[in-house]
Amino acid sequence: MTFMGIQFQPSEIAKMAVVIVTAFILSKGQDEDGASPKAFKRIMIITCIVCGLILPGKLLDGNAALRNGLPDGCSSGGYLPGNC
């Protein structure tokens, strides 16, 4: 995806959003004893939702590499010199 001439993956925005939402939940869920168990539960729910949205795209990317006959890691950032 390109925005104002800069290429980025939508999953990168989702990862940043998880970090920001986690910080927000932890800051609002503080009490005298630390973070409440509800905060952890909310963070896990949000993280699972975001991972559930990202994972199918990553799996499809890996399948495309297998169909094209590329060694594992050549199509998705795991490039090691001499392997591809």
Protein backbone atom coordinates (compact mmCIF):
# COMPACT_ATOMS: atom_id res chain seq x y z
CA MET A 1 0.00 0.00 0.00
CA THR A 2 1.31 3.46 -0.87
CA PHE A 3 0.36 6.65 0.97
CA MET A 4 1.89 9.99 -0.07
CA GLY A 5 4.72 8.18 -1.85
CA ILE A 6 5.60 5.98 1.13
CA GLN A 7 5.07 2.24 0.94
CA PHE A 8 3.92 0.39 4.05
CA GLN A 9 2.11 -2.73 5.07
CA PRO A 10 -1.31 -2.28 6.72
CA SER A 11 -0.22 -4.79 9.36
CA GLU A 12 2.42 -2.30 10.54
CA ILE A 13 -0.32 0.19 11.39
CA ALA A 14 -2.20 -2.55 13.24
CA LYS A 15 0.91 -3.38 15.28
CA MET A 16 1.39 0.26 16.25
CA ALA A 17 -2.30 0.47 17.18
CA VAL A 18 -1.94 -2.55 19.48
CA VAL A 19 0.98 -0.90 21.28
CA ILE A 20 -0.91 2.38 21.67
CA VAL A 21 -4.12 0.70 22.84
CA THR A 22 -2.14 -1.46 25.28
CA ALA A 23 -0.50 1.62 26.77
CA PHE A 24 -3.89 3.32 27.04
CA ILE A 25 -5.53 0.32 28.73
CA LEU A 26 -2.65 -0.05 31.18
CA SER A 27 -2.68 3.65 32.05
CA LYS A 28 -6.44 3.65 32.67
CA GLY A 29 -6.50 0.26 34.42
CA GLN A 30 -4.03 1.11 37.19
CA ASP A 31 -4.89 0.84 40.84
CA GLU A 32 -2.79 0.76 44.02
CA ASP A 33 -1.73 -2.84 43.39
CA GLY A 34 -0.75 -2.31 39.73
CA ALA A 35 -2.64 -3.20 36.58
CA SER A 36 -5.97 -4.90 37.10
CA PRO A 37 -6.66 -8.39 35.74
CA LYS A 38 -9.39 -6.85 33.56
CA ALA A 39 -6.72 -4.81 31.79
CA PHE A 40 -4.79 -7.97 30.88
CA LYS A 41 -7.97 -9.61 29.61
CA ARG A 42 -8.81 -6.60 27.42
CA ILE A 43 -5.27 -6.46 26.02
CA MET A 44 -5.37 -10.16 25.13
CA ILE A 45 -8.74 -9.81 23.40
CA ILE A 46 -7.55 -6.87 21.29
CA THR A 47 -4.25 -8.58 20.46
CA CYS A 48 -6.03 -11.77 19.39
CA ILE A 49 -8.41 -9.81 17.16
CA VAL A 50 -5.54 -7.99 15.44
CA CYS A 51 -3.51 -11.21 15.04
CA GLY A 52 -6.60 -12.91 13.65
CA LEU A 53 -6.86 -10.20 11.00
CA ILE A 54 -3.15 -10.28 10.10
CA LEU A 55 -2.52 -14.03 10.17
CA PRO A 56 -4.58 -15.03 7.10
CA GLY A 57 -2.63 -12.57 4.93
CA LYS A 58 0.68 -13.91 6.21
CA LEU A 59 -0.40 -17.49 5.56
CA LEU A 60 -1.46 -16.63 2.02
CA ASP A 61 1.88 -14.95 1.41
CA GLY A 62 3.68 -18.12 2.48
CA ASN A 63 1.49 -20.27 0.24
CA ALA A 64 2.26 -18.06 -2.74
CA ALA A 65 5.97 -18.59 -2.13
CA LEU A 66 5.47 -22.37 -2.06
CA ARG A 67 3.45 -22.31 -5.28
CA ASN A 68 6.17 -20.31 -7.04
CA GLY A 69 8.85 -22.75 -5.93
CA LEU A 70 10.78 -20.25 -3.82
CA PRO A 71 12.65 -21.51 -0.77
CA ASP A 72 11.14 -20.63 2.60
CA GLY A 73 11.93 -17.08 3.65
CA CYS A 74 12.59 -15.62 0.21
CA SER A 75 9.28 -13.84 -0.22
CA SER A 76 8.69 -12.36 3.22
CA GLY A 77 11.55 -10.50 4.81
CA GLY A 78 13.41 -13.63 5.91
CA TYR A 79 15.87 -13.43 3.05
CA LEU A 80 19.26 -14.96 3.73
CA PRO A 81 21.98 -14.50 1.11
CA GLY A 82 22.59 -17.65 -0.87
CA ASN A 83 19.20 -19.19 -0.09
CA CYS A 84 17.19 -17.59 -2.91
